[in-house]
Amino acid sequence: MTPSAQSLTSIFEDLPEKDQNTLFEFAEFLKSRAPEPESKVTEPLGLVRPDEESVVAAIKRLKKNYPMVSQKEMLNETSEFMMQHMMQGKSAPDVIDDLEILFESRYKIKIGIKE
């Protein structure tokens, strides 16, 4: 039997709610292990940094601005910058400056520019 969305939906609907939750959690686990699809965008989108921006908003903007950069590979570093802001009191503008540098450097590595 070849898997399809329709057959998976049918199986899902036949399961009790507890098992539906387990199936969903397993599907999310499998998705998290899957390689990220390659972005067709090769240049940063040029999204402008607003005057007032939170660190979370900056991370979202930078992810949109650099879709070609692997978000999974950057998770630890972006989390570290967020912790510097939240736990160590580093100012949002300073953390956002660091995030801008991080994303730009990862982009340059991706396209083969050596710094």
PDB file of N, CA and C in Angstrom:
ATOM      1  N   MET A   1       0.847  -1.183   0.000  1.00  0.00           N
ATOM      2  CA  MET A   1       0.000   0.000   0.000  1.00  0.00           C
ATOM      3  C   MET A   1       0.894   1.248   0.000  1.00  0.00           C
ATOM      4  N   THR A   2       0.671   2.113  -0.952  1.00  0.00           N
ATOM      5  CA  THR A   2       1.419   3.352  -1.044  1.00  0.00           C
ATOM      6  C   THR A   2       0.779   4.389  -0.137  1.00  0.00           C
ATOM      7  N   PRO A   3       1.595   5.029   0.715  1.00  0.00           N
ATOM      8  CA  PRO A   3       1.010   6.028   1.610  1.00  0.00           C
ATOM      9  C   PRO A   3       0.517   7.250   0.841  1.00  0.00           C
ATOM     10  N   SER A   4      -0.578   7.778   1.300  1.00  0.00           N
ATOM     11  CA  SER A   4      -1.112   9.018   0.745  1.00  0.00           C
ATOM     12  C   SER A   4      -1.759   9.794   1.880  1.00  0.00           C
ATOM     13  N   ALA A   5      -1.991  11.050   1.620  1.00  0.00           N
ATOM     14  CA  ALA A   5      -2.651  11.871   2.639  1.00  0.00           C
ATOM     15  C   ALA A   5      -4.028  11.307   2.966  1.00  0.00           C
ATOM     16  N   GLN A   6      -4.707  10.812   1.945  1.00  0.00           N
ATOM     17  CA  GLN A   6      -6.047  10.269   2.158  1.00  0.00           C
ATOM     18  C   GLN A   6      -6.005   9.012   3.023  1.00  0.00           C
ATOM     19  N   SER A   7      -5.054   8.104   2.755  1.00  0.00           N
ATOM     20  CA  SER A   7      -4.985   6.886   3.558  1.00  0.00           C
ATOM     21  C   SER A   7      -4.544   7.203   4.987  1.00  0.00           C
ATOM     22  N   LEU A   8      -3.641   8.163   5.131  1.00  0.00           N
ATOM     23  CA  LEU A   8      -3.207   8.559   6.471  1.00  0.00           C
ATOM     24  C   LEU A   8      -4.363   9.198   7.243  1.00  0.00           C
ATOM     25  N   THR A   9      -5.145  10.013   6.572  1.00  0.00           N
ATOM     26  CA  THR A   9      -6.310  10.630   7.208  1.00  0.00           C
ATOM     27  C   THR A   9      -7.302   9.566   7.657  1.00  0.00           C
ATOM     28  N   SER A  10      -7.513   8.564   6.820  1.00  0.00           N
ATOM     29  CA  SER A  10      -8.437   7.486   7.155  1.00  0.00           C
ATOM     30  C   SER A  10      -7.967   6.729   8.396  1.00  0.00           C
ATOM     31  N   ILE A  11      -6.678   6.422   8.443  1.00  0.00           N
ATOM     32  CA  ILE A  11      -6.121   5.732   9.608  1.00  0.00           C
ATOM     33  C   ILE A  11      -6.269   6.607  10.850  1.00  0.00           C
ATOM     34  N   PHE A  12      -5.921   7.876  10.714  1.00  0.00           N
ATOM     35  CA  PHE A  12      -6.008   8.816  11.830  1.00  0.00           C
ATOM     36  C   PHE A  12      -7.424   8.863  12.390  1.00  0.00           C
ATOM     37  N   GLU A  13      -8.414   8.962  11.513  1.00  0.00           N
ATOM     38  CA  GLU A  13      -9.807   9.071  11.951  1.00  0.00           C
ATOM     39  C   GLU A  13     -10.309   7.804  12.632  1.00  0.00           C
ATOM     40  N   ASP A  14      -9.720   6.650  12.308  1.00  0.00           N
ATOM     41  CA  ASP A  14     -10.145   5.383  12.911  1.00  0.00           C
ATOM     42  C   ASP A  14      -9.544   5.148  14.295  1.00  0.00           C
ATOM     43  N   LEU A  15      -8.565   5.940  14.662  1.00  0.00           N
ATOM     44  CA  LEU A  15      -7.888   5.749  15.947  1.00  0.00           C
ATOM     45  C   LEU A  15      -8.614   6.471  17.076  1.00  0.00           C
ATOM     46  N   PRO A  16      -8.492   5.938  18.301  1.00  0.00           N
ATOM     47  CA  PRO A  16      -9.012   6.672  19.454  1.00  0.00           C
ATOM     48  C   PRO A  16      -8.179   7.951  19.652  1.00  0.00           C
ATOM     49  N   GLU A  17      -8.753   8.920  20.354  1.00  0.00           N
ATOM     50  CA  GLU A  17      -8.109  10.229  20.509  1.00  0.00           C
ATOM     51  C   GLU A  17      -6.685  10.126  21.058  1.00  0.00           C
ATOM     52  N   LYS A  18      -6.471   9.271  22.051  1.00  0.00           N
ATOM     53  CA  LYS A  18      -5.123   9.110  22.629  1.00  0.00           C
ATOM     54  C   LYS A  18      -4.128   8.680  21.555  1.00  0.00           C
ATOM     55  N   ASP A  19      -4.515   7.732  20.728  1.00  0.00           N
ATOM     56  CA  ASP A  19      -3.622   7.253  19.671  1.00  0.00           C
ATOM     57  C   ASP A  19      -3.478   8.282  18.550  1.00  0.00           C
ATOM     58  N   GLN A  20      -4.510   9.099  18.319  1.00  0.00           N
ATOM     59  CA  GLN A  20      -4.388  10.187  17.347  1.00  0.00           C
ATOM     60  C   GLN A  20      -3.302  11.163  17.801  1.00  0.00           C
ATOM     61  N   ASN A  21      -3.298  11.483  19.093  1.00  0.00           N
ATOM     62  CA  ASN A  21      -2.278  12.384  19.636  1.00  0.00           C
ATOM     63  C   ASN A  21      -0.881  11.774  19.484  1.00  0.00           C
ATOM     64  N   THR A  22      -0.762  10.474  19.752  1.00  0.00           N
ATOM     65  CA  THR A  22       0.521   9.794  19.617  1.00  0.00           C
ATOM     66  C   THR A  22       0.988   9.812  18.166  1.00  0.00           C
ATOM     67  N   LEU A  23       0.082   9.541  17.231  1.00  0.00           N
ATOM     68  CA  LEU A  23       0.430   9.564  15.807  1.00  0.00           C
ATOM     69  C   LEU A  23       0.873  10.957  15.384  1.00  0.00           C
ATOM     70  N   PHE A  24       0.170  11.967  15.858  1.00  0.00           N
ATOM     71  CA  PHE A  24       0.526  13.344  15.520  1.00  0.00           C
ATOM     72  C   PHE A  24       1.909  13.700  16.077  1.00  0.00           C
ATOM     73  N   GLU A  25       2.171  13.332  17.323  1.00  0.00           N
ATOM     74  CA  GLU A  25       3.478  13.603  17.931  1.00  0.00           C
ATOM     75  C   GLU A  25       4.592  12.899  17.165  1.00  0.00           C
ATOM     76  N   PHE A  26       4.334  11.659  16.739  1.00  0.00           N
ATOM     77  CA  PHE A  26       5.336  10.918  15.975  1.00  0.00           C
ATOM     78  C   PHE A  26       5.571  11.586  14.617  1.00  0.00           C
ATOM     79  N   ALA A  27       4.503  12.047  13.983  1.00  0.00           N
ATOM     80  CA  ALA A  27       4.644  12.743  12.696  1.00  0.00           C
ATOM     81  C   ALA A  27       5.461  14.020  12.866  1.00  0.00           C
ATOM     82  N   GLU A  28       5.223  14.753  13.937  1.00  0.00           N
ATOM     83  CA  GLU A  28       6.018  15.962  14.191  1.00  0.00           C
ATOM     84  C   GLU A  28       7.485  15.622  14.454  1.00  0.00           C
ATOM     85  N   PHE A  29       7.737  14.523  15.157  1.00  0.00           N
ATOM     86  CA  PHE A  29       9.103  14.077  15.384  1.00  0.00           C
ATOM     87  C   PHE A  29       9.784  13.759  14.059  1.00  0.00           C
ATOM     88  N   LEU A  30       9.119  13.027  13.194  1.00  0.00           N
ATOM     89  CA  LEU A  30       9.694  12.699  11.892  1.00  0.00           C
ATOM     90  C   LEU A  30       9.963  13.951  11.062  1.00  0.00           C
ATOM     91  N   LYS A  31       9.042  14.893  11.123  1.00  0.00           N
ATOM     92  CA  LYS A  31       9.230  16.146  10.392  1.00  0.00           C
ATOM     93  C   LYS A  31      10.455  16.893  10.904  1.00  0.00           C
ATOM     94  N   SER A  32      10.682  16.870  12.215  1.00  0.00           N
ATOM     95  CA  SER A  32      11.827  17.591  12.789  1.00  0.00           C
ATOM     96  C   SER A  32      13.153  16.977  12.351  1.00  0.00           C
ATOM     97  N   ARG A  33      13.162  15.688  12.018  1.00  0.00           N
ATOM     98  CA  ARG A  33      14.386  15.015  11.572  1.00  0.00           C
ATOM     99  C   ARG A  33      14.636  15.187  10.086  1.00  0.00           C
ATOM    100  N   ALA A  34      13.581  15.524   9.348  1.00  0.00           N
ATOM    101  CA  ALA A  34      13.690  15.626   7.893  1.00  0.00           C
ATOM    102  C   ALA A  34      14.557  16.812   7.509  1.00  0.00           C
ATOM    103  N   PRO A  35      15.306  16.677   6.416  1.00  0.00           N
ATOM    104  CA  PRO A  35      16.098  17.825   5.966  1.00  0.00           C
ATOM    105  C   PRO A  35      15.190  18.976   5.558  1.00  0.00           C
ATOM    106  N   GLU A  36      15.697  20.188   5.777  1.00  0.00           N
ATOM    107  CA  GLU A  36      14.921  21.361   5.385  1.00  0.00           C
ATOM    108  C   GLU A  36      14.888  21.430   3.865  1.00  0.00           C
ATOM    109  N   PRO A  37      13.744  21.785   3.295  1.00  0.00           N
ATOM    110  CA  PRO A  37      13.714  21.942   1.840  1.00  0.00           C
ATOM    111  C   PRO A  37      14.614  23.100   1.421  1.00  0.00           C
ATOM    112  N   GLU A  38      15.292  22.925   0.314  1.00  0.00           N
ATOM    113  CA  GLU A  38      16.195  23.968  -0.188  1.00  0.00           C
ATOM    114  C   GLU A  38      15.364  25.160  -0.654  1.00  0.00           C
ATOM    115  N   SER A  39      15.729  26.339  -0.206  1.00  0.00           N
ATOM    116  CA  SER A  39      15.013  27.547  -0.589  1.00  0.00           C
ATOM    117  C   SER A  39      15.368  27.923  -2.019  1.00  0.00           C
ATOM    118  N   LYS A  40      14.390  28.382  -2.757  1.00  0.00           N
ATOM    119  CA  LYS A  40      14.619  28.851  -4.121  1.00  0.00           C
ATOM    120  C   LYS A  40      15.155  30.281  -4.117  1.00  0.00           C
ATOM    121  N   VAL A  41      15.036  30.949  -2.980  1.00  0.00           N
ATOM    122  CA  VAL A  41      15.511  32.320  -2.845  1.00  0.00           C
ATOM    123  C   VAL A  41      17.023  32.262  -2.613  1.00  0.00           C
ATOM    124  N   THR A  42      17.780  33.016  -3.404  1.00  0.00           N
ATOM    125  CA  THR A  42      19.239  32.984  -3.288  1.00  0.00           C
ATOM    126  C   THR A  42      19.831  34.283  -2.760  1.00  0.00           C
ATOM    127  N   GLU A  43      19.041  35.327  -2.689  1.00  0.00           N
ATOM    128  CA  GLU A  43      19.500  36.629  -2.195  1.00  0.00           C
ATOM    129  C   GLU A  43      18.648  37.028  -0.999  1.00  0.00           C
ATOM    130  N   PRO A  44      19.232  37.745  -0.033  1.00  0.00           N
ATOM    131  CA  PRO A  44      18.408  38.262   1.071  1.00  0.00           C
ATOM    132  C   PRO A  44      17.284  39.133   0.515  1.00  0.00           C
ATOM    133  N   LEU A  45      16.149  39.134   1.193  1.00  0.00           N
ATOM    134  CA  LEU A  45      14.971  39.838   0.703  1.00  0.00           C
ATOM    135  C   LEU A  45      15.024  41.339   0.960  1.00  0.00           C
ATOM    136  N   GLY A  46      15.976  41.796   1.764  1.00  0.00           N
ATOM    137  CA  GLY A  46      16.121  43.227   2.006  1.00  0.00           C
ATOM    138  C   GLY A  46      15.095  43.804   2.961  1.00  0.00           C
ATOM    139  N   LEU A  47      14.585  42.976   3.870  1.00  0.00           N
ATOM    140  CA  LEU A  47      13.613  43.466   4.853  1.00  0.00           C
ATOM    141  C   LEU A  47      14.310  44.456   5.786  1.00  0.00           C
ATOM    142  N   VAL A  48      13.734  45.617   5.916  1.00  0.00           N
ATOM    143  CA  VAL A  48      14.340  46.708   6.679  1.00  0.00           C
ATOM    144  C   VAL A  48      14.084  46.517   8.170  1.00  0.00           C
ATOM    145  N   ARG A  49      15.115  46.777   8.941  1.00  0.00           N
ATOM    146  CA  ARG A  49      15.007  46.706  10.404  1.00  0.00           C
ATOM    147  C   ARG A  49      14.260  47.937  10.893  1.00  0.00           C
ATOM    148  N   PRO A  50      13.149  47.717  11.605  1.00  0.00           N
ATOM    149  CA  PRO A  50      12.416  48.867  12.146  1.00  0.00           C
ATOM    150  C   PRO A  50      13.188  49.535  13.277  1.00  0.00           C
ATOM    151  N   ASP A  51      12.816  50.778  13.565  1.00  0.00           N
ATOM    152  CA  ASP A  51      13.478  51.522  14.642  1.00  0.00           C
ATOM    153  C   ASP A  51      13.304  50.822  15.988  1.00  0.00           C
ATOM    154  N   GLU A  52      12.103  50.387  16.274  1.00  0.00           N
ATOM    155  CA  GLU A  52      11.797  49.683  17.519  1.00  0.00           C
ATOM    156  C   GLU A  52      11.437  48.243  17.164  1.00  0.00           C
ATOM    157  N   GLU A  53      12.208  47.280  17.689  1.00  0.00           N
ATOM    158  CA  GLU A  53      11.965  45.875  17.364  1.00  0.00           C
ATOM    159  C   GLU A  53      12.379  45.020  18.557  1.00  0.00           C
ATOM    160  N   SER A  54      11.571  44.027  18.854  1.00  0.00           N
ATOM    161  CA  SER A  54      11.935  43.081  19.906  1.00  0.00           C
ATOM    162  C   SER A  54      12.898  42.048  19.325  1.00  0.00           C
ATOM    163  N   VAL A  55      13.564  41.321  20.191  1.00  0.00           N
ATOM    164  CA  VAL A  55      14.490  40.283  19.746  1.00  0.00           C
ATOM    165  C   VAL A  55      13.724  39.186  19.010  1.00  0.00           C
ATOM    166  N   VAL A  56      12.571  38.808  19.520  1.00  0.00           N
ATOM    167  CA  VAL A  56      11.763  37.773  18.859  1.00  0.00           C
ATOM    168  C   VAL A  56      11.346  38.231  17.460  1.00  0.00           C
ATOM    169  N   ALA A  57      10.890  39.466  17.344  1.00  0.00           N
ATOM    170  CA  ALA A  57      10.494  39.998  16.043  1.00  0.00           C
ATOM    171  C   ALA A  57      11.694  40.051  15.094  1.00  0.00           C
ATOM    172  N   ALA A  58      12.860  40.382  15.622  1.00  0.00           N
ATOM    173  CA  ALA A  58      14.068  40.437  14.795  1.00  0.00           C
ATOM    174  C   ALA A  58      14.419  39.049  14.261  1.00  0.00           C
ATOM    175  N   ILE A  59      14.322  38.042  15.105  1.00  0.00           N
ATOM    176  CA  ILE A  59      14.613  36.672  14.664  1.00  0.00           C
ATOM    177  C   ILE A  59      13.638  36.272  13.562  1.00  0.00           C
ATOM    178  N   LYS A  60      12.363  36.576  13.732  1.00  0.00           N
ATOM    179  CA  LYS A  60      11.373  36.255  12.702  1.00  0.00           C
ATOM    180  C   LYS A  60      11.675  36.999  11.400  1.00  0.00           C
ATOM    181  N   ARG A  61      12.035  38.273  11.513  1.00  0.00           N
ATOM    182  CA  ARG A  61      12.352  39.065  10.322  1.00  0.00           C
ATOM    183  C   ARG A  61      13.582  38.502   9.615  1.00  0.00           C
ATOM    184  N   LEU A  62      14.601  38.176  10.382  1.00  0.00           N
ATOM    185  CA  LEU A  62      15.832  37.660   9.787  1.00  0.00           C
ATOM    186  C   LEU A  62      15.623  36.288   9.150  1.00  0.00           C
ATOM    187  N   LYS A  63      14.783  35.446   9.750  1.00  0.00           N
ATOM    188  CA  LYS A  63      14.459  34.154   9.130  1.00  0.00           C
ATOM    189  C   LYS A  63      13.778  34.361   7.779  1.00  0.00           C
ATOM    190  N   LYS A  64      12.881  35.343   7.716  1.00  0.00           N
ATOM    191  CA  LYS A  64      12.213  35.657   6.447  1.00  0.00           C
ATOM    192  C   LYS A  64      13.196  36.264   5.460  1.00  0.00           C
ATOM    193  N   ASN A  65      14.090  37.109   5.955  1.00  0.00           N
ATOM    194  CA  ASN A  65      15.035  37.812   5.098  1.00  0.00           C
ATOM    195  C   ASN A  65      16.084  36.872   4.501  1.00  0.00           C
ATOM    196  N   TYR A  66      16.431  35.829   5.238  1.00  0.00           N
ATOM    197  CA  TYR A  66      17.449  34.874   4.806  1.00  0.00           C
ATOM    198  C   TYR A  66      16.864  33.454   4.751  1.00  0.00           C
ATOM    199  N   PRO A  67      15.896  33.202   3.875  1.00  0.00           N
ATOM    200  CA  PRO A  67      15.279  31.872   3.842  1.00  0.00           C
ATOM    201  C   PRO A  67      16.226  30.775   3.361  1.00  0.00           C
ATOM    202  N   MET A  68      17.318  31.168   2.720  1.00  0.00           N
ATOM    203  CA  MET A  68      18.272  30.185   2.207  1.00  0.00           C
ATOM    204  C   MET A  68      19.193  29.632   3.288  1.00  0.00           C
ATOM    205  N   VAL A  69      19.180  30.235   4.460  1.00  0.00           N
ATOM    206  CA  VAL A  69      20.039  29.819   5.566  1.00  0.00           C
ATOM    207  C   VAL A  69      19.283  28.801   6.416  1.00  0.00           C
ATOM    208  N   SER A  70      19.941  27.708   6.783  1.00  0.00           N
ATOM    209  CA  SER A  70      19.310  26.644   7.566  1.00  0.00           C
ATOM    210  C   SER A  70      18.976  27.130   8.973  1.00  0.00           C
ATOM    211  N   GLN A  71      17.698  27.122   9.285  1.00  0.00           N
ATOM    212  CA  GLN A  71      17.263  27.557  10.617  1.00  0.00           C
ATOM    213  C   GLN A  71      17.636  26.529  11.680  1.00  0.00           C
ATOM    214  N   LYS A  72      17.626  25.248  11.306  1.00  0.00           N
ATOM    215  CA  LYS A  72      17.988  24.206  12.272  1.00  0.00           C
ATOM    216  C   LYS A  72      19.431  24.360  12.721  1.00  0.00           C
ATOM    217  N   GLU A  73      20.313  24.698  11.790  1.00  0.00           N
ATOM    218  CA  GLU A  73      21.728  24.852  12.123  1.00  0.00           C
ATOM    219  C   GLU A  73      21.972  26.066  13.011  1.00  0.00           C
ATOM    220  N   MET A  74      21.080  27.031  12.965  1.00  0.00           N
ATOM    221  CA  MET A  74      21.264  28.271  13.723  1.00  0.00           C
ATOM    222  C   MET A  74      20.494  28.293  15.034  1.00  0.00           C
ATOM    223  N   LEU A  75      19.750  27.260  15.324  1.00  0.00           N
ATOM    224  CA  LEU A  75      18.882  27.245  16.503  1.00  0.00           C
ATOM    225  C   LEU A  75      19.656  27.512  17.797  1.00  0.00           C
ATOM    226  N   ASN A  76      20.785  26.840  17.977  1.00  0.00           N
ATOM    227  CA  ASN A  76      21.552  27.031  19.220  1.00  0.00           C
ATOM    228  C   ASN A  76      22.045  28.466  19.356  1.00  0.00           C
ATOM    229  N   GLU A  77      22.553  29.027  18.271  1.00  0.00           N
ATOM    230  CA  GLU A  77      23.097  30.381  18.339  1.00  0.00           C
ATOM    231  C   GLU A  77      22.006  31.424  18.565  1.00  0.00           C
ATOM    232  N   THR A  78      20.880  31.286  17.862  1.00  0.00           N
ATOM    233  CA  THR A  78      19.807  32.257  18.066  1.00  0.00           C
ATOM    234  C   THR A  78      19.244  32.135  19.485  1.00  0.00           C
ATOM    235  N   SER A  79      19.169  30.919  19.992  1.00  0.00           N
ATOM    236  CA  SER A  79      18.706  30.713  21.374  1.00  0.00           C
ATOM    237  C   SER A  79      19.668  31.348  22.368  1.00  0.00           C
ATOM    238  N   GLU A  80      20.959  31.235  22.094  1.00  0.00           N
ATOM    239  CA  GLU A  80      21.965  31.839  22.969  1.00  0.00           C
ATOM    240  C   GLU A  80      21.809  33.360  23.010  1.00  0.00           C
ATOM    241  N   PHE A  81      21.595  33.974  21.848  1.00  0.00           N
ATOM    242  CA  PHE A  81      21.390  35.425  21.819  1.00  0.00           C
ATOM    243  C   PHE A  81      20.126  35.814  22.585  1.00  0.00           C
ATOM    244  N   MET A  82      19.079  35.024  22.438  1.00  0.00           N
ATOM    245  CA  MET A  82      17.832  35.291  23.162  1.00  0.00           C
ATOM    246  C   MET A  82      18.075  35.208  24.667  1.00  0.00           C
ATOM    247  N   MET A  83      18.854  34.222  25.101  1.00  0.00           N
ATOM    248  CA  MET A  83      19.155  34.074  26.528  1.00  0.00           C
ATOM    249  C   MET A  83      19.997  35.242  27.042  1.00  0.00           C
ATOM    250  N   GLN A  84      20.926  35.729  26.216  1.00  0.00           N
ATOM    251  CA  GLN A  84      21.717  36.890  26.632  1.00  0.00           C
ATOM    252  C   GLN A  84      20.812  38.086  26.914  1.00  0.00           C
ATOM    253  N   HIS A  85      19.781  38.209  26.115  1.00  0.00           N
ATOM    254  CA  HIS A  85      18.847  39.319  26.291  1.00  0.00           C
ATOM    255  C   HIS A  85      17.964  39.096  27.520  1.00  0.00           C
ATOM    256  N   MET A  86      17.370  37.917  27.620  1.00  0.00           N
ATOM    257  CA  MET A  86      16.391  37.659  28.673  1.00  0.00           C
ATOM    258  C   MET A  86      17.017  37.421  30.046  1.00  0.00           C
ATOM    259  N   MET A  87      18.097  36.669  30.084  1.00  0.00           N
ATOM    260  CA  MET A  87      18.654  36.253  31.368  1.00  0.00           C
ATOM    261  C   MET A  87      19.818  37.132  31.828  1.00  0.00           C
ATOM    262  N   GLN A  88      20.559  37.679  30.872  1.00  0.00           N
ATOM    263  CA  GLN A  88      21.743  38.446  31.241  1.00  0.00           C
ATOM    264  C   GLN A  88      21.549  39.950  31.072  1.00  0.00           C
ATOM    265  N   GLY A  89      20.394  40.350  30.557  1.00  0.00           N
ATOM    266  CA  GLY A  89      20.071  41.762  30.459  1.00  0.00           C
ATOM    267  C   GLY A  89      20.724  42.520  29.318  1.00  0.00           C
ATOM    268  N   LYS A  90      21.271  41.808  28.352  1.00  0.00           N
ATOM    269  CA  LYS A  90      21.858  42.497  27.201  1.00  0.00           C
ATOM    270  C   LYS A  90      20.745  43.201  26.444  1.00  0.00           C
ATOM    271  N   SER A  91      20.996  44.433  26.015  1.00  0.00           N
ATOM    272  CA  SER A  91      19.931  45.229  25.394  1.00  0.00           C
ATOM    273  C   SER A  91      19.471  44.616  24.068  1.00  0.00           C
ATOM    274  N   ALA A  92      18.192  44.821  23.764  1.00  0.00           N
ATOM    275  CA  ALA A  92      17.626  44.299  22.519  1.00  0.00           C
ATOM    276  C   ALA A  92      18.384  44.814  21.298  1.00  0.00           C
ATOM    277  N   PRO A  93      18.687  46.111  21.191  1.00  0.00           N
ATOM    278  CA  PRO A  93      19.427  46.575  20.001  1.00  0.00           C
ATOM    279  C   PRO A  93      20.789  45.894  19.836  1.00  0.00           C
ATOM    280  N   ASP A  94      21.483  45.645  20.951  1.00  0.00           N
ATOM    281  CA  ASP A  94      22.783  44.975  20.869  1.00  0.00           C
ATOM    282  C   ASP A  94      22.633  43.520  20.420  1.00  0.00           C
ATOM    283  N   VAL A  95      21.644  42.837  20.958  1.00  0.00           N
ATOM    284  CA  VAL A  95      21.403  41.444  20.570  1.00  0.00           C
ATOM    285  C   VAL A  95      20.987  41.390  19.099  1.00  0.00           C
ATOM    286  N   ILE A  96      20.145  42.307  18.678  1.00  0.00           N
ATOM    287  CA  ILE A  96      19.706  42.328  17.278  1.00  0.00           C
ATOM    288  C   ILE A  96      20.887  42.619  16.356  1.00  0.00           C
ATOM    289  N   ASP A  97      21.801  43.498  16.762  1.00  0.00           N
ATOM    290  CA  ASP A  97      23.018  43.731  15.972  1.00  0.00           C
ATOM    291  C   ASP A  97      23.791  42.424  15.793  1.00  0.00           C
ATOM    292  N   ASP A  98      23.932  41.674  16.888  1.00  0.00           N
ATOM    293  CA  ASP A  98      24.640  40.392  16.828  1.00  0.00           C
ATOM    294  C   ASP A  98      23.912  39.394  15.929  1.00  0.00           C
ATOM    295  N   LEU A  99      22.592  39.372  16.018  1.00  0.00           N
ATOM    296  CA  LEU A  99      21.810  38.477  15.169  1.00  0.00           C
ATOM    297  C   LEU A  99      21.959  38.841  13.688  1.00  0.00           C
ATOM    298  N   GLU A 100      21.963  40.130  13.397  1.00  0.00           N
ATOM    299  CA  GLU A 100      22.155  40.588  12.013  1.00  0.00           C
ATOM    300  C   GLU A 100      23.492  40.072  11.473  1.00  0.00           C
ATOM    301  N   ILE A 101      24.530  40.181  12.284  1.00  0.00           N
ATOM    302  CA  ILE A 101      25.857  39.714  11.884  1.00  0.00           C
ATOM    303  C   ILE A 101      25.847  38.201  11.674  1.00  0.00           C
ATOM    304  N   LEU A 102      25.223  37.474  12.585  1.00  0.00           N
ATOM    305  CA  LEU A 102      25.137  36.021  12.490  1.00  0.00           C
ATOM    306  C   LEU A 102      24.465  35.596  11.186  1.00  0.00           C
ATOM    307  N   PHE A 103      23.294  36.154  10.912  1.00  0.00           N
ATOM    308  CA  PHE A 103      22.557  35.758   9.712  1.00  0.00           C
ATOM    309  C   PHE A 103      23.330  36.122   8.443  1.00  0.00           C
ATOM    310  N   GLU A 104      23.913  37.306   8.434  1.00  0.00           N
ATOM    311  CA  GLU A 104      24.671  37.715   7.250  1.00  0.00           C
ATOM    312  C   GLU A 104      25.890  36.811   7.037  1.00  0.00           C
ATOM    313  N   SER A 105      26.579  36.463   8.125  1.00  0.00           N
ATOM    314  CA  SER A 105      27.760  35.607   7.977  1.00  0.00           C
ATOM    315  C   SER A 105      27.367  34.205   7.516  1.00  0.00           C
ATOM    316  N   ARG A 106      26.250  33.670   8.010  1.00  0.00           N
ATOM    317  CA  ARG A 106      25.780  32.358   7.562  1.00  0.00           C
ATOM    318  C   ARG A 106      25.366  32.408   6.088  1.00  0.00           C
ATOM    319  N   TYR A 107      24.793  33.512   5.673  1.00  0.00           N
ATOM    320  CA  TYR A 107      24.441  33.689   4.263  1.00  0.00           C
ATOM    321  C   TYR A 107      25.701  33.687   3.410  1.00  0.00           C
ATOM    322  N   LYS A 108      26.705  34.417   3.834  1.00  0.00           N
ATOM    323  CA  LYS A 108      27.954  34.489   3.068  1.00  0.00           C
ATOM    324  C   LYS A 108      28.622  33.122   2.976  1.00  0.00           C
ATOM    325  N   ILE A 109      28.591  32.365   4.059  1.00  0.00           N
ATOM    326  CA  ILE A 109      29.132  31.006   4.032  1.00  0.00           C
ATOM    327  C   ILE A 109      28.345  30.156   3.040  1.00  0.00           C
ATOM    328  N   LYS A 110      27.034  30.298   3.068  1.00  0.00           N
ATOM    329  CA  LYS A 110      26.154  29.522   2.182  1.00  0.00           C
ATOM    330  C   LYS A 110      26.476  29.768   0.713  1.00  0.00           C
ATOM    331  N   ILE A 111      26.779  31.025   0.360  1.00  0.00           N
ATOM    332  CA  ILE A 111      27.038  31.331  -1.049  1.00  0.00           C
ATOM    333  C   ILE A 111      28.529  31.269  -1.389  1.00  0.00           C
ATOM    334  N   GLY A 112      29.362  30.956  -0.385  1.00  0.00           N
ATOM    335  CA  GLY A 112      30.777  30.726  -0.654  1.00  0.00           C
ATOM    336  C   GLY A 112      31.678  31.930  -0.542  1.00  0.00           C
ATOM    337  N   ILE A 113      31.233  32.984   0.130  1.00  0.00           N
ATOM    338  CA  ILE A 113      32.081  34.153   0.354  1.00  0.00           C
ATOM    339  C   ILE A 113      32.852  33.940   1.642  1.00  0.00           C
ATOM    340  N   LYS A 114      34.180  34.006   1.546  1.00  0.00           N
ATOM    341  CA  LYS A 114      35.011  33.868   2.743  1.00  0.00           C
ATOM    342  C   LYS A 114      35.243  35.242   3.340  1.00  0.00           C
ATOM    343  N   GLU A 115      35.119  35.306   4.651  1.00  0.00           N
ATOM    344  CA  GLU A 115      35.303  36.591   5.331  1.00  0.00           C
ATOM    345  C   GLU A 115      36.723  36.753   5.796  1.00  0.00           C
TER     346      GLU A 115
END
